[in-house]
């Protein structure tokens, strides 16, 4: 099954590394070297899976050096990284990542959901950090697929469960100084995960933060870099303590334009005041301060095929949300992302008052329809080019 790649026992690893040590201008999947673990880990029962706490037996590792190119990709037993304390990724935020999932359908086939979109976004994030690009001709995706094939027994065979995939790139140069990293390490780890909601949807309350800002036009809000996440942790903890909410609704500008919710994209369903038409609204990406989510894009494409909802990517501020709520035109609100797929919102704390979303503890009609369609595609129930069988 893996004959096109080099599977080698540990005792010959050193010799084989020499054979495959030539640098290449792009990641070459044909040079992939596989070293399988000799001590497989025990798998947790499904009911004990916690997001990001358990990992599979293997990982993918690819190193790049300035002026030389990419070394041969390696699949190796899951292990700690060896980095210099002076590594650029530890000091200057030269780090970015992706989040994607692999699913098993009812026939046991392994499927990825729109992996090309994740590779494209990772390419953008890496080049934004002056790292080498991951082009269409690069073999990162093929190497990633092989890693999943090797560890496919870790993918839970139950709907709602999946294998979370975390491609990562870090600056690994062992030097201090603010500059582009002369060394970059790309690696991929895998983690089996359960459903985001173990017993049905659990709509959340949000705090619309008028003080802290997640990102701004001209920054890196549209790249999946580590620096976008660490500064949001303290405000989120404070909002949970002060207001009893789950996430922050991030805003921007004096008119409090809506940006994102937590680490997800945000959607509103609002009835037009003049026409009575339902409008599915999500903030535009034109400012460069919002991450172009794969789930976000999928929702937009699916909803555009509907005839009863208008889809809009545009600026929406809190004034419009408040007005729609007071006039009974705010119908639904939900976040969207890889982890939860759809996360319904039941209330938004804003300027000392709470906006109540009428769906309350339930999930809205639009959100439920999108959930049904997306998960059916992901698990191969609906034939669709977005579901890539590997």
Protein backbone atom coordinates (compact mmCIF):
# COMPACT_ATOMS: atom_id res chain seq x y z
CA UNK A 1 0.00 0.00 0.00
CA UNK A 2 2.91 2.33 0.71
CA UNK A 3 5.31 1.00 -1.90
CA UNK A 4 5.86 4.36 -3.56
CA UNK A 5 7.44 5.63 -0.35
CA UNK A 6 10.50 4.38 1.49
CA UNK A 7 9.58 2.46 4.65
CA UNK A 8 12.71 1.68 6.62
CA UNK A 9 13.60 -0.03 9.91
CA UNK A 10 15.30 2.08 12.57
CA UNK A 11 18.76 0.45 12.19
CA UNK A 12 19.04 1.61 8.57
CA UNK A 13 17.68 5.09 9.15
CA UNK A 14 21.09 6.79 9.19
CA UNK A 15 22.16 5.22 5.89
CA UNK A 16 18.83 6.01 4.27
CA UNK A 17 18.95 9.63 5.40
CA UNK A 18 22.15 10.04 3.41
CA UNK A 19 20.47 8.65 0.32
CA UNK A 20 17.57 11.06 0.64
CA UNK A 21 19.40 14.11 1.99
CA UNK A 22 19.54 16.10 -1.26
CA UNK A 23 17.86 19.48 -1.07
CA UNK A 24 15.05 20.23 -3.51
CA UNK A 25 13.48 23.58 -4.47
CA UNK A 26 10.03 22.33 -3.41
CA UNK A 27 8.76 19.60 -1.10
CA UNK A 28 9.21 16.33 -2.97
CA UNK A 29 6.82 13.61 -1.79
CA UNK A 30 8.75 11.03 -3.84
CA UNK A 31 11.64 11.41 -1.40
CA UNK A 32 9.47 10.73 1.64
CA UNK A 33 11.19 8.50 4.21
CA UNK A 34 9.06 6.55 6.69
CA UNK A 35 10.28 5.29 10.04
CA UNK A 36 7.47 3.47 11.84
CA UNK A 37 7.27 3.33 15.61
CA UNK A 38 8.25 0.14 17.39
CA UNK A 39 6.18 1.08 20.47
CA UNK A 40 2.60 1.89 19.38
CA UNK A 41 0.55 3.84 21.93
CA UNK A 42 -2.72 2.66 23.44
CA UNK A 43 -5.82 4.38 22.07
CA UNK A 44 -8.27 6.06 24.41
CA UNK A 45 -11.93 5.05 24.54
CA UNK A 46 -14.07 7.43 22.49
CA UNK A 47 -15.78 8.87 25.56
CA UNK A 48 -12.40 9.93 26.98
CA UNK A 49 -11.21 11.92 23.96
CA UNK A 50 -10.46 15.56 24.75
CA UNK A 51 -9.56 17.98 21.97
CA UNK A 52 -5.81 18.23 21.45
CA UNK A 53 -4.80 16.05 24.41
CA UNK A 54 -3.92 12.74 22.72
CA UNK A 55 -1.86 12.18 19.59
CA UNK A 56 -1.23 9.40 17.11
CA UNK A 57 1.92 7.28 16.77
CA UNK A 58 3.60 9.29 14.01
CA UNK A 59 4.32 12.81 12.78
CA UNK A 60 5.57 14.40 9.58
CA UNK A 61 8.67 16.60 9.60
CA UNK A 62 10.23 18.63 6.75
CA UNK A 63 13.13 21.07 7.13
CA UNK A 64 14.10 24.00 4.89
CA UNK A 65 17.35 25.95 4.71
CA UNK A 66 17.87 29.27 3.00
CA UNK A 67 19.94 28.98 -0.16
CA UNK A 68 19.56 25.18 -0.25
CA UNK A 69 15.87 24.34 -0.21
CA UNK A 70 13.86 21.50 1.32
CA UNK A 71 15.28 18.35 2.84
CA UNK A 72 13.61 15.00 2.29
CA UNK A 73 10.25 14.73 4.13
CA UNK A 74 10.23 12.26 7.02
CA UNK A 75 7.44 10.43 8.79
CA UNK A 76 8.81 9.50 12.20
CA UNK A 77 7.48 8.32 15.57
CA UNK A 78 5.72 11.12 17.47
CA UNK A 79 8.38 12.87 19.55
CA UNK A 80 9.49 16.17 21.02
CA UNK A 81 11.26 18.72 18.83
CA UNK A 82 14.87 19.70 19.35
CA UNK A 83 15.25 23.47 19.05
CA UNK A 84 17.85 26.05 20.03
CA UNK A 85 16.76 28.35 22.86
CA UNK A 86 17.51 31.17 20.42
CA UNK A 87 15.13 29.87 17.72
CA UNK A 88 13.36 32.63 15.81
CA UNK A 89 10.03 30.89 16.27
CA UNK A 90 10.35 31.14 20.06
CA UNK A 91 11.29 34.83 20.18
CA UNK A 92 9.70 36.70 17.29
CA UNK A 93 6.45 34.92 16.54
CA UNK A 94 7.67 33.24 13.35
CA UNK A 95 5.06 30.50 13.55
CA UNK A 96 1.86 29.64 11.73
CA UNK A 97 -0.43 26.64 11.50
CA UNK A 98 -3.53 25.09 9.97
CA UNK A 99 -6.50 23.17 11.32
CA UNK A 100 -8.21 20.45 9.29
CA UNK A 101 -9.82 17.05 9.79
CA UNK A 102 -9.92 13.55 8.36
CA UNK A 103 -13.15 11.53 8.54
CA UNK A 104 -14.14 7.91 8.05
CA UNK A 105 -17.30 7.25 6.05
CA UNK A 106 -19.67 4.32 6.59
CA UNK A 107 -17.58 2.15 4.25
CA UNK A 108 -14.34 2.85 6.13
CA UNK A 109 -12.91 5.22 3.52
CA UNK A 110 -10.77 8.08 4.83
CA UNK A 111 -11.80 11.54 3.60
CA UNK A 112 -10.42 15.06 3.83
CA UNK A 113 -12.58 18.17 3.51
CA UNK A 114 -11.29 20.76 0.99
CA UNK A 115 -7.59 20.22 1.86
CA UNK A 116 -6.54 22.45 -1.04
CA UNK A 117 -8.03 25.43 0.80
CA UNK A 118 -5.93 24.70 3.87
CA UNK A 119 -2.76 24.38 1.80
CA UNK A 120 -3.53 27.68 0.09
CA UNK A 121 -4.09 29.44 3.40
CA UNK A 122 -0.93 27.95 4.89
CA UNK A 123 0.99 29.22 1.89
CA UNK A 124 -0.37 32.71 2.56
CA UNK A 125 0.52 32.52 6.26
CA UNK A 126 4.04 31.29 5.57
CA UNK A 127 4.84 33.89 2.92
CA UNK A 128 3.41 36.61 5.21
CA UNK A 129 6.12 35.56 7.69
CA UNK A 130 8.84 35.52 5.00
CA UNK A 131 8.96 31.74 4.99
CA UNK A 132 9.30 29.70 1.79
CA UNK A 133 6.02 29.27 -0.09
CA UNK A 134 4.04 26.04 -0.29
CA UNK A 135 3.06 26.06 -3.96
CA UNK A 136 0.60 23.84 -5.81
CA UNK A 137 3.50 21.74 -7.06
CA UNK A 138 4.80 21.09 -3.54
CA UNK A 139 4.26 17.69 -2.03
CA UNK A 140 3.18 18.71 1.48
CA UNK A 141 -0.38 17.54 0.93
CA UNK A 142 0.75 14.18 -0.47
CA UNK A 143 3.06 13.65 2.50
CA UNK A 144 0.24 14.61 4.84
CA UNK A 145 -2.05 12.08 3.19
CA UNK A 146 0.53 9.34 3.66
CA UNK A 147 0.85 10.21 7.35
CA UNK A 148 -2.92 9.83 7.70
CA UNK A 149 -2.88 6.50 5.86
CA UNK A 150 -0.24 5.17 8.24
CA UNK A 151 -2.19 6.31 11.31
CA UNK A 152 -5.68 5.76 9.94
CA UNK A 153 -6.49 3.26 12.69
CA UNK A 154 -6.60 6.29 15.00
CA UNK A 155 -9.58 7.79 13.15
CA UNK A 156 -12.68 6.96 15.21
CA UNK A 157 -15.23 5.01 13.21
CA UNK A 158 -18.25 6.91 14.46
CA UNK A 159 -20.07 9.92 13.08
CA UNK A 160 -19.23 13.09 14.94
CA UNK A 161 -15.68 11.88 15.57
CA UNK A 162 -12.67 12.66 13.41
CA UNK A 163 -8.90 13.02 13.26
CA UNK A 164 -7.76 16.59 13.80
CA UNK A 165 -4.77 17.54 11.64
CA UNK A 166 -2.36 20.29 12.68
CA UNK A 167 0.18 21.34 10.00
CA UNK A 168 2.62 23.83 11.54
CA UNK A 169 5.56 25.93 10.36
CA UNK A 170 8.08 27.54 12.71
CA UNK A 171 11.26 29.51 12.33
CA UNK A 172 14.03 27.24 13.61
CA UNK A 173 17.17 29.35 13.04
CA UNK A 174 19.35 29.23 16.18
CA UNK A 175 20.02 32.99 16.18
CA UNK A 176 18.63 36.06 17.91
CA UNK A 177 17.67 39.10 15.86
CA UNK A 178 14.54 40.25 14.08
CA UNK A 179 14.96 38.85 10.58
CA UNK A 180 13.57 36.24 8.23
CA UNK A 181 14.42 32.78 9.51
CA UNK A 182 17.20 31.03 7.57
CA UNK A 183 15.79 27.70 8.78
CA UNK A 184 12.16 26.63 8.80
CA UNK A 185 10.64 23.45 10.18
CA UNK A 186 7.27 22.25 8.87
CA UNK A 187 5.63 19.46 10.81
CA UNK A 188 2.23 17.79 11.06
CA UNK A 189 0.71 16.09 14.10
CA UNK A 190 -2.60 14.24 14.37
CA UNK A 191 -5.11 14.04 17.22
CA UNK A 192 -8.30 11.94 17.42
CA UNK A 193 -11.21 14.12 18.55
CA UNK A 194 -14.83 13.68 19.52
CA UNK A 195 -17.85 15.82 18.66
CA UNK A 196 -17.67 19.47 19.72
CA UNK A 197 -21.13 19.07 21.24
CA UNK A 198 -21.42 15.66 22.90
CA UNK A 199 -25.20 15.89 23.44
CA UNK A 200 -26.66 18.22 20.82
CA UNK A 201 -26.03 21.89 20.17
CA UNK A 202 -25.22 24.15 23.11
CA UNK A 203 -25.82 27.78 22.07
CA UNK A 204 -23.36 30.22 23.65
CA UNK A 205 -23.39 33.76 24.99
CA UNK A 206 -20.88 36.30 23.70
CA UNK A 207 -19.34 39.51 24.98
CA UNK A 208 -18.96 42.21 22.32
CA UNK A 209 -15.62 43.71 23.35
CA UNK A 210 -15.42 47.48 22.71
CA UNK A 211 -11.94 47.80 24.25
CA UNK A 212 -9.71 45.02 22.95
CA UNK A 213 -9.11 44.47 19.22
CA UNK A 214 -8.16 41.14 17.68
CA UNK A 215 -6.78 42.47 14.37
CA UNK A 216 -6.88 45.49 12.09
CA UNK A 217 -6.61 46.32 8.38
CA UNK A 218 -3.04 45.99 7.17
CA UNK A 219 -2.16 43.54 9.94
CA UNK A 220 -2.11 39.75 9.90
CA UNK A 221 -5.71 38.98 10.81
CA UNK A 222 -6.12 37.12 7.51
CA UNK A 223 -3.18 34.80 8.23
CA UNK A 224 -3.26 31.89 10.68
CA UNK A 225 -0.25 33.00 12.73
CA UNK A 226 0.32 32.34 16.42
CA UNK A 227 0.42 36.05 17.23
CA UNK A 228 -3.28 36.35 16.47
CA UNK A 229 -4.23 33.96 19.25
CA UNK A 230 -2.09 34.53 22.34
CA UNK A 231 -3.26 38.14 22.96
CA UNK A 232 -6.93 37.05 22.89
CA UNK A 233 -6.60 34.65 25.82
CA UNK A 234 -6.57 37.20 28.65
CA UNK A 235 -9.55 39.28 27.39
CA UNK A 236 -11.51 36.05 26.89
CA UNK A 237 -10.75 34.89 30.43
CA UNK A 238 -11.77 38.28 31.79
CA UNK A 239 -15.01 38.30 29.80
CA UNK A 240 -15.87 34.84 31.12
CA UNK A 241 -15.22 36.01 34.68
CA UNK A 242 -17.07 39.32 34.41
CA UNK A 243 -19.98 38.37 32.16
CA UNK A 244 -20.28 34.58 32.27
CA UNK A 245 -19.83 34.28 28.50
CA UNK A 246 -18.11 31.63 26.40
CA UNK A 247 -16.41 33.78 23.77
CA UNK A 248 -15.67 37.34 22.70
CA UNK A 249 -17.33 38.92 19.68
CA UNK A 250 -14.42 40.89 18.28
CA UNK A 251 -15.16 44.39 16.96
CA UNK A 252 -13.21 47.02 15.05
CA UNK A 253 -13.46 50.78 14.62
CA UNK A 254 -15.48 53.55 16.21
CA UNK A 255 -18.69 52.19 14.69
CA UNK A 256 -18.00 48.75 16.22
CA UNK A 257 -17.85 46.72 13.05
CA UNK A 258 -18.25 43.00 13.73
CA UNK A 259 -15.12 40.94 12.95
CA UNK A 260 -14.92 37.40 14.39
CA UNK A 261 -16.23 35.38 17.32
CA UNK A 262 -13.53 33.71 19.41
CA UNK A 263 -11.42 31.90 16.81
CA UNK A 264 -14.32 31.48 14.39
CA UNK A 265 -16.08 33.45 11.68
CA UNK A 266 -19.47 34.95 12.56
CA UNK A 267 -22.77 34.83 10.69
CA UNK A 268 -26.09 36.62 11.26
CA UNK A 269 -29.47 35.88 9.73
CA UNK A 270 -31.44 39.15 9.56
CA UNK A 271 -34.74 39.97 7.89
CA UNK A 272 -34.52 42.96 5.56
CA UNK A 273 -36.58 45.88 6.91
CA UNK A 274 -37.91 46.87 3.48
CA UNK A 275 -38.35 43.58 1.62
CA UNK A 276 -38.74 41.08 4.44
CA UNK A 277 -36.12 38.90 2.72
CA UNK A 278 -33.83 36.75 4.86
CA UNK A 279 -30.19 37.79 4.57
CA UNK A 280 -27.26 35.63 5.68
CA UNK A 281 -24.54 38.13 6.56
CA UNK A 282 -20.87 37.58 7.36
CA UNK A 283 -18.20 40.31 7.56
CA UNK A 284 -16.27 40.99 4.37
CA UNK A 285 -12.65 39.87 3.98
CA UNK A 286 -11.69 43.03 2.09
CA UNK A 287 -10.09 44.71 5.10
CA UNK A 288 -7.58 41.89 5.54
CA UNK A 289 -8.33 41.65 9.27
CA UNK A 290 -10.49 38.51 9.16
CA UNK A 291 -9.31 34.94 8.64
CA UNK A 292 -10.72 33.38 5.44
CA UNK A 293 -12.17 30.28 7.07
CA UNK A 294 -12.67 27.12 5.04
CA UNK A 295 -15.99 26.50 6.80
CA UNK A 296 -16.93 30.15 6.18
CA UNK A 297 -16.30 29.81 2.45
CA UNK A 298 -18.19 26.51 2.33
CA UNK A 299 -21.22 28.02 4.07
CA UNK A 300 -21.29 30.89 1.60
CA UNK A 301 -21.07 28.55 -1.40
CA UNK A 302 -23.80 26.27 -0.05
CA UNK A 303 -26.16 29.11 0.87
CA UNK A 304 -25.75 30.71 -2.54
CA UNK A 305 -27.51 27.68 -4.02
CA UNK A 306 -30.59 28.39 -1.92
CA UNK A 307 -33.46 30.50 -3.23
CA UNK A 308 -34.93 31.69 0.06
CA UNK A 309 -31.86 33.43 1.54
CA UNK A 310 -29.73 36.29 0.26
CA UNK A 311 -26.02 35.83 1.01
CA UNK A 312 -23.95 38.92 1.80
CA UNK A 313 -20.28 39.44 2.59
CA UNK A 314 -20.30 43.00 3.85
CA UNK A 315 -19.62 45.32 6.76
CA UNK A 316 -22.06 44.85 9.61
CA UNK A 317 -21.77 46.86 12.82
CA UNK A 318 -23.32 46.43 16.22
CA UNK A 319 -25.75 49.28 15.58
CA UNK A 320 -27.35 47.22 12.80
CA UNK A 321 -27.48 44.12 15.01
CA UNK A 322 -29.09 46.08 17.87
CA UNK A 323 -31.66 47.66 15.54
CA UNK A 324 -32.54 44.30 13.98
CA UNK A 325 -32.98 42.79 17.44
CA UNK A 326 -35.25 45.59 18.67
CA UNK A 327 -37.37 45.37 15.52
CA UNK A 328 -37.68 41.59 15.66
CA UNK A 329 -35.62 41.10 12.51
CA UNK A 330 -32.63 39.31 14.07
CA UNK A 331 -33.40 35.66 13.42
CA UNK A 332 -30.16 33.74 14.03
CA UNK A 333 -26.49 34.15 14.87
CA UNK A 334 -23.76 31.50 14.80
CA UNK A 335 -20.04 31.00 14.60
CA UNK A 336 -18.39 28.72 12.05
CA UNK A 337 -15.06 26.91 12.09
CA UNK A 338 -13.28 23.58 11.69
CA UNK A 339 -13.64 22.45 15.31
CA UNK A 340 -17.35 23.11 15.90
CA UNK A 341 -18.53 23.43 12.27
CA UNK A 342 -21.52 25.48 13.51
CA UNK A 343 -21.75 27.13 16.96
CA UNK A 344 -25.17 28.75 17.62
CA UNK A 345 -25.30 32.02 19.58
CA UNK A 346 -28.12 32.72 22.02
CA UNK A 347 -27.08 36.11 23.38
CA UNK A 348 -24.61 38.98 22.99
CA UNK A 349 -23.63 41.26 25.89
CA UNK A 350 -23.01 44.71 24.40
CA UNK A 351 -22.63 48.07 26.16
CA UNK A 352 -24.12 46.75 29.37
CA UNK A 353 -27.20 45.18 27.80
CA UNK A 354 -27.88 41.77 26.32
CA UNK A 355 -29.10 41.12 22.80
CA UNK A 356 -31.22 37.98 22.90
CA UNK A 357 -31.15 35.82 19.76
CA UNK A 358 -34.68 34.37 19.34
CA UNK A 359 -33.47 30.81 18.74
CA UNK A 360 -32.46 30.68 22.41
CA UNK A 361 -31.34 27.23 23.48
CA UNK A 362 -32.19 25.77 20.08
CA UNK A 363 -30.43 25.87 16.74
CA UNK A 364 -31.92 28.01 13.97
CA UNK A 365 -33.29 26.71 10.69
CA UNK A 366 -30.46 28.15 8.59
CA UNK A 367 -27.70 26.94 10.94
CA UNK A 368 -29.24 23.46 11.13
CA UNK A 369 -29.52 23.17 7.34
CA UNK A 370 -25.91 24.22 6.92
CA UNK A 371 -24.78 21.78 9.60
CA UNK A 372 -26.64 18.93 7.94
CA UNK A 373 -25.18 19.67 4.52
CA UNK A 374 -21.60 20.24 5.69
CA UNK A 375 -21.39 17.14 7.87
CA UNK A 376 -23.04 15.00 5.17
CA UNK A 377 -20.32 16.10 2.73
CA UNK A 378 -17.54 15.58 5.27
CA UNK A 379 -18.64 12.01 6.06
CA UNK A 380 -19.22 11.11 2.41
CA UNK A 381 -23.01 10.82 2.64
CA UNK A 382 -23.38 13.34 -0.19
CA UNK A 383 -21.07 12.90 -3.21
CA UNK A 384 -19.21 16.16 -3.54
CA UNK A 385 -15.83 17.31 -4.91
CA UNK A 386 -15.06 18.92 -1.55
CA UNK A 387 -14.80 15.48 0.06
CA UNK A 388 -11.42 14.06 -0.99
CA UNK A 389 -11.03 10.31 -0.53
CA UNK A 390 -7.47 9.28 0.27
